[in-house]
Amino acid sequence: MTVEVPDTPNWNPLLTRLARDHCAVFMYIGHVGPVHLYKHIVTRRYLNLDGEGNCYVWNGQGDEAKDYLPADFGEQLLRVTGARG
């Protein structure tokens, strides 16, 4: 499984965790299984969320859904943006 890029970006997972105006600094990259990948436009780091807004971190070893491990949203948001939501 690789990153799938749908015709229409899915912003819903990100919108469950951040206000709409804070989403403007992210690009929707696609999804790996149920995990949606959002790339920060300044830091170029990824915030990975499932359909319910649960956060995941990539283990660096593959490109399958099993390679994304549960992570703390606040910690990941700080890592990706430098700010807490």
N, C-alpha and C. Protein backbone atom coordinates (compact mmCIF):
# COMPACT_ATOMS: atom_id res chain seq x y z
N MET A 1 0.85 -1.18 0.00
CA MET A 1 0.00 0.00 0.00
C MET A 1 0.89 1.24 0.00
N THR A 2 0.57 2.18 -0.84
CA THR A 2 1.29 3.44 -0.89
C THR A 2 0.30 4.58 -0.62
N VAL A 3 0.81 5.78 -0.66
CA VAL A 3 -0.06 6.94 -0.43
C VAL A 3 -1.04 7.04 -1.59
N GLU A 4 -2.32 7.07 -1.25
CA GLU A 4 -3.37 7.26 -2.25
C GLU A 4 -3.78 8.72 -2.24
N VAL A 5 -3.92 9.31 -3.42
CA VAL A 5 -4.29 10.71 -3.54
C VAL A 5 -5.67 10.78 -4.21
N PRO A 6 -6.71 11.07 -3.41
CA PRO A 6 -8.05 11.16 -4.00
C PRO A 6 -8.21 12.45 -4.81
N ASP A 7 -9.25 12.48 -5.63
CA ASP A 7 -9.53 13.68 -6.44
C ASP A 7 -9.87 14.88 -5.56
N THR A 8 -10.51 14.61 -4.41
CA THR A 8 -10.92 15.68 -3.50
C THR A 8 -10.23 15.48 -2.15
N PRO A 9 -9.52 16.50 -1.65
CA PRO A 9 -8.87 16.38 -0.33
C PRO A 9 -9.90 16.17 0.78
N ASN A 10 -9.52 15.41 1.79
CA ASN A 10 -10.39 15.18 2.95
C ASN A 10 -9.86 16.00 4.13
N TRP A 11 -10.50 17.12 4.38
CA TRP A 11 -10.10 18.01 5.47
C TRP A 11 -10.81 17.69 6.78
N ASN A 12 -11.80 16.82 6.75
CA ASN A 12 -12.60 16.55 7.95
C ASN A 12 -11.77 16.10 9.17
N PRO A 13 -10.82 15.16 9.03
CA PRO A 13 -10.05 14.78 10.21
C PRO A 13 -9.29 15.96 10.84
N LEU A 14 -8.71 16.81 9.99
CA LEU A 14 -7.96 17.96 10.50
C LEU A 14 -8.91 18.96 11.16
N LEU A 15 -10.08 19.14 10.56
CA LEU A 15 -11.07 20.08 11.10
C LEU A 15 -11.66 19.60 12.43
N THR A 16 -11.58 18.31 12.73
CA THR A 16 -12.04 17.84 14.04
C THR A 16 -11.07 18.23 15.15
N ARG A 17 -9.83 18.57 14.79
CA ARG A 17 -8.81 18.89 15.79
C ARG A 17 -8.39 20.35 15.80
N LEU A 18 -8.53 21.05 14.67
CA LEU A 18 -8.07 22.43 14.57
C LEU A 18 -9.17 23.33 14.02
N ALA A 19 -9.12 24.60 14.39
CA ALA A 19 -10.03 25.59 13.80
C ALA A 19 -9.69 25.74 12.32
N ARG A 20 -10.70 26.06 11.54
CA ARG A 20 -10.54 26.15 10.08
C ARG A 20 -9.37 27.06 9.68
N ASP A 21 -9.21 28.22 10.35
CA ASP A 21 -8.14 29.13 9.96
C ASP A 21 -6.75 28.55 10.25
N HIS A 22 -6.64 27.62 11.21
CA HIS A 22 -5.36 26.98 11.49
C HIS A 22 -5.04 25.88 10.48
N CYS A 23 -6.04 25.42 9.77
CA CYS A 23 -5.84 24.37 8.76
C CYS A 23 -5.17 24.92 7.51
N ALA A 24 -5.21 26.23 7.34
CA ALA A 24 -4.68 26.86 6.13
C ALA A 24 -3.18 26.65 5.95
N VAL A 25 -2.47 26.29 7.00
CA VAL A 25 -1.02 26.08 6.90
C VAL A 25 -0.67 24.63 6.58
N PHE A 26 -1.67 23.84 6.23
CA PHE A 26 -1.45 22.44 5.88
C PHE A 26 -1.86 22.15 4.45
N MET A 27 -1.15 21.22 3.83
CA MET A 27 -1.51 20.68 2.52
C MET A 27 -2.01 19.26 2.74
N TYR A 28 -3.07 18.89 2.05
CA TYR A 28 -3.52 17.50 2.11
C TYR A 28 -2.70 16.72 1.10
N ILE A 29 -2.00 15.69 1.58
CA ILE A 29 -1.13 14.89 0.72
C ILE A 29 -1.85 13.66 0.18
N GLY A 30 -2.67 13.05 1.01
CA GLY A 30 -3.37 11.83 0.64
C GLY A 30 -3.58 10.98 1.87
N HIS A 31 -3.76 9.67 1.66
CA HIS A 31 -3.95 8.79 2.80
C HIS A 31 -3.28 7.45 2.57
N VAL A 32 -2.90 6.83 3.66
CA VAL A 32 -2.38 5.46 3.67
C VAL A 32 -3.38 4.68 4.50
N GLY A 33 -4.21 3.90 3.83
CA GLY A 33 -5.30 3.24 4.54
C GLY A 33 -6.17 4.29 5.19
N PRO A 34 -6.44 4.14 6.49
CA PRO A 34 -7.31 5.10 7.18
C PRO A 34 -6.59 6.36 7.67
N VAL A 35 -5.30 6.45 7.48
CA VAL A 35 -4.51 7.57 8.02
C VAL A 35 -4.31 8.64 6.94
N HIS A 36 -4.81 9.85 7.22
CA HIS A 36 -4.69 10.98 6.30
C HIS A 36 -3.43 11.77 6.63
N LEU A 37 -2.72 12.19 5.60
CA LEU A 37 -1.44 12.87 5.76
C LEU A 37 -1.57 14.35 5.42
N TYR A 38 -1.23 15.20 6.39
CA TYR A 38 -1.29 16.65 6.22
C TYR A 38 0.11 17.21 6.43
N LYS A 39 0.61 17.95 5.45
CA LYS A 39 1.98 18.47 5.50
C LYS A 39 1.94 19.97 5.80
N HIS A 40 2.70 20.38 6.81
CA HIS A 40 2.78 21.79 7.19
C HIS A 40 3.58 22.55 6.12
N ILE A 41 3.08 23.69 5.68
CA ILE A 41 3.70 24.39 4.55
C ILE A 41 5.03 25.07 4.90
N VAL A 42 5.27 25.33 6.17
CA VAL A 42 6.53 25.97 6.57
C VAL A 42 7.55 24.94 7.02
N THR A 43 7.18 24.10 7.98
CA THR A 43 8.13 23.13 8.53
C THR A 43 8.32 21.90 7.65
N ARG A 44 7.35 21.64 6.76
CA ARG A 44 7.35 20.48 5.87
C ARG A 44 7.20 19.17 6.64
N ARG A 45 6.76 19.24 7.88
CA ARG A 45 6.53 18.06 8.70
C ARG A 45 5.07 17.62 8.57
N TYR A 46 4.85 16.33 8.83
CA TYR A 46 3.52 15.75 8.65
C TYR A 46 2.75 15.60 9.95
N LEU A 47 1.45 15.87 9.87
CA LEU A 47 0.49 15.55 10.92
C LEU A 47 -0.42 14.49 10.32
N ASN A 48 -0.48 13.33 10.96
CA ASN A 48 -1.20 12.17 10.44
C ASN A 48 -2.40 11.87 11.31
N LEU A 49 -3.60 11.87 10.72
CA LEU A 49 -4.83 11.69 11.48
C LEU A 49 -5.74 10.67 10.79
N ASP A 50 -6.44 9.88 11.59
CA ASP A 50 -7.45 9.00 11.01
C ASP A 50 -8.77 9.76 10.90
N GLY A 51 -9.81 9.09 10.44
CA GLY A 51 -11.10 9.74 10.20
C GLY A 51 -11.75 10.33 11.42
N GLU A 52 -11.38 9.84 12.62
CA GLU A 52 -11.93 10.37 13.87
C GLU A 52 -11.05 11.45 14.48
N GLY A 53 -9.92 11.75 13.84
CA GLY A 53 -9.01 12.76 14.37
C GLY A 53 -7.95 12.22 15.30
N ASN A 54 -7.87 10.89 15.43
CA ASN A 54 -6.80 10.29 16.23
C ASN A 54 -5.47 10.48 15.50
N CYS A 55 -4.43 10.73 16.27
CA CYS A 55 -3.13 11.08 15.71
C CYS A 55 -2.21 9.86 15.62
N TYR A 56 -1.36 9.87 14.59
CA TYR A 56 -0.41 8.79 14.36
C TYR A 56 0.93 9.37 13.96
N VAL A 57 1.98 8.59 14.23
CA VAL A 57 3.32 8.96 13.79
C VAL A 57 3.85 7.81 12.94
N TRP A 58 4.53 8.17 11.86
CA TRP A 58 5.10 7.17 10.96
C TRP A 58 6.33 6.57 11.62
N ASN A 59 6.47 5.24 11.54
CA ASN A 59 7.62 4.58 12.18
C ASN A 59 8.88 4.63 11.32
N GLY A 60 8.79 5.17 10.12
CA GLY A 60 9.97 5.33 9.27
C GLY A 60 10.38 4.09 8.53
N GLN A 61 9.55 3.04 8.55
CA GLN A 61 9.99 1.77 7.99
C GLN A 61 9.21 1.28 6.78
N GLY A 62 8.12 1.91 6.44
CA GLY A 62 7.34 1.41 5.32
C GLY A 62 6.27 2.39 4.92
N ASP A 63 5.40 1.93 4.03
CA ASP A 63 4.33 2.82 3.56
C ASP A 63 2.98 2.12 3.62
N GLU A 64 2.77 1.36 4.70
CA GLU A 64 1.49 0.70 4.92
C GLU A 64 0.86 1.26 6.19
N ALA A 65 -0.44 1.06 6.33
CA ALA A 65 -1.16 1.58 7.50
C ALA A 65 -0.53 1.09 8.80
N LYS A 66 -0.03 -0.13 8.82
CA LYS A 66 0.58 -0.68 10.04
C LYS A 66 1.86 0.06 10.44
N ASP A 67 2.40 0.87 9.54
CA ASP A 67 3.61 1.63 9.81
C ASP A 67 3.34 2.97 10.48
N TYR A 68 2.07 3.23 10.81
CA TYR A 68 1.66 4.44 11.51
C TYR A 68 1.19 4.04 12.90
N LEU A 69 1.87 4.57 13.91
CA LEU A 69 1.61 4.20 15.30
C LEU A 69 0.86 5.31 16.02
N PRO A 70 -0.03 4.95 16.96
CA PRO A 70 -0.77 5.97 17.72
C PRO A 70 0.20 6.94 18.41
N ALA A 71 -0.19 8.21 18.42
CA ALA A 71 0.66 9.25 19.01
C ALA A 71 -0.22 10.30 19.68
N ASP A 72 0.38 11.06 20.57
CA ASP A 72 -0.32 12.14 21.26
C ASP A 72 -0.48 13.34 20.32
N PHE A 73 -1.71 13.79 20.14
CA PHE A 73 -1.97 14.89 19.22
C PHE A 73 -1.21 16.16 19.62
N GLY A 74 -1.27 16.54 20.89
CA GLY A 74 -0.61 17.76 21.35
C GLY A 74 0.89 17.75 21.09
N GLU A 75 1.52 16.62 21.37
CA GLU A 75 2.96 16.50 21.12
C GLU A 75 3.28 16.60 19.63
N GLN A 76 2.46 15.95 18.81
CA GLN A 76 2.70 15.98 17.37
C GLN A 76 2.44 17.36 16.79
N LEU A 77 1.40 18.03 17.26
CA LEU A 77 1.12 19.37 16.78
C LEU A 77 2.27 20.31 17.13
N LEU A 78 2.81 20.18 18.32
CA LEU A 78 3.96 20.99 18.72
C LEU A 78 5.18 20.68 17.84
N ARG A 79 5.41 19.40 17.56
CA ARG A 79 6.53 19.00 16.72
C ARG A 79 6.37 19.55 15.30
N VAL A 80 5.15 19.48 14.78
CA VAL A 80 4.90 19.89 13.40
C VAL A 80 4.86 21.40 13.23
N THR A 81 4.23 22.10 14.17
CA THR A 81 4.01 23.55 14.00
C THR A 81 4.79 24.43 14.96
N GLY A 82 5.18 23.87 16.08
CA GLY A 82 5.81 24.67 17.12
C GLY A 82 4.81 25.33 18.05
N ALA A 83 3.52 24.98 17.90
CA ALA A 83 2.46 25.59 18.74
C ALA A 83 1.46 24.52 19.17
N ARG A 84 0.89 24.68 20.33
CA ARG A 84 -0.15 23.76 20.81
C ARG A 84 -1.52 24.26 20.39
N GLY A 85 -2.44 23.32 20.08
CA GLY A 85 -3.78 23.69 19.65
C GLY A 85 -4.78 23.60 20.74
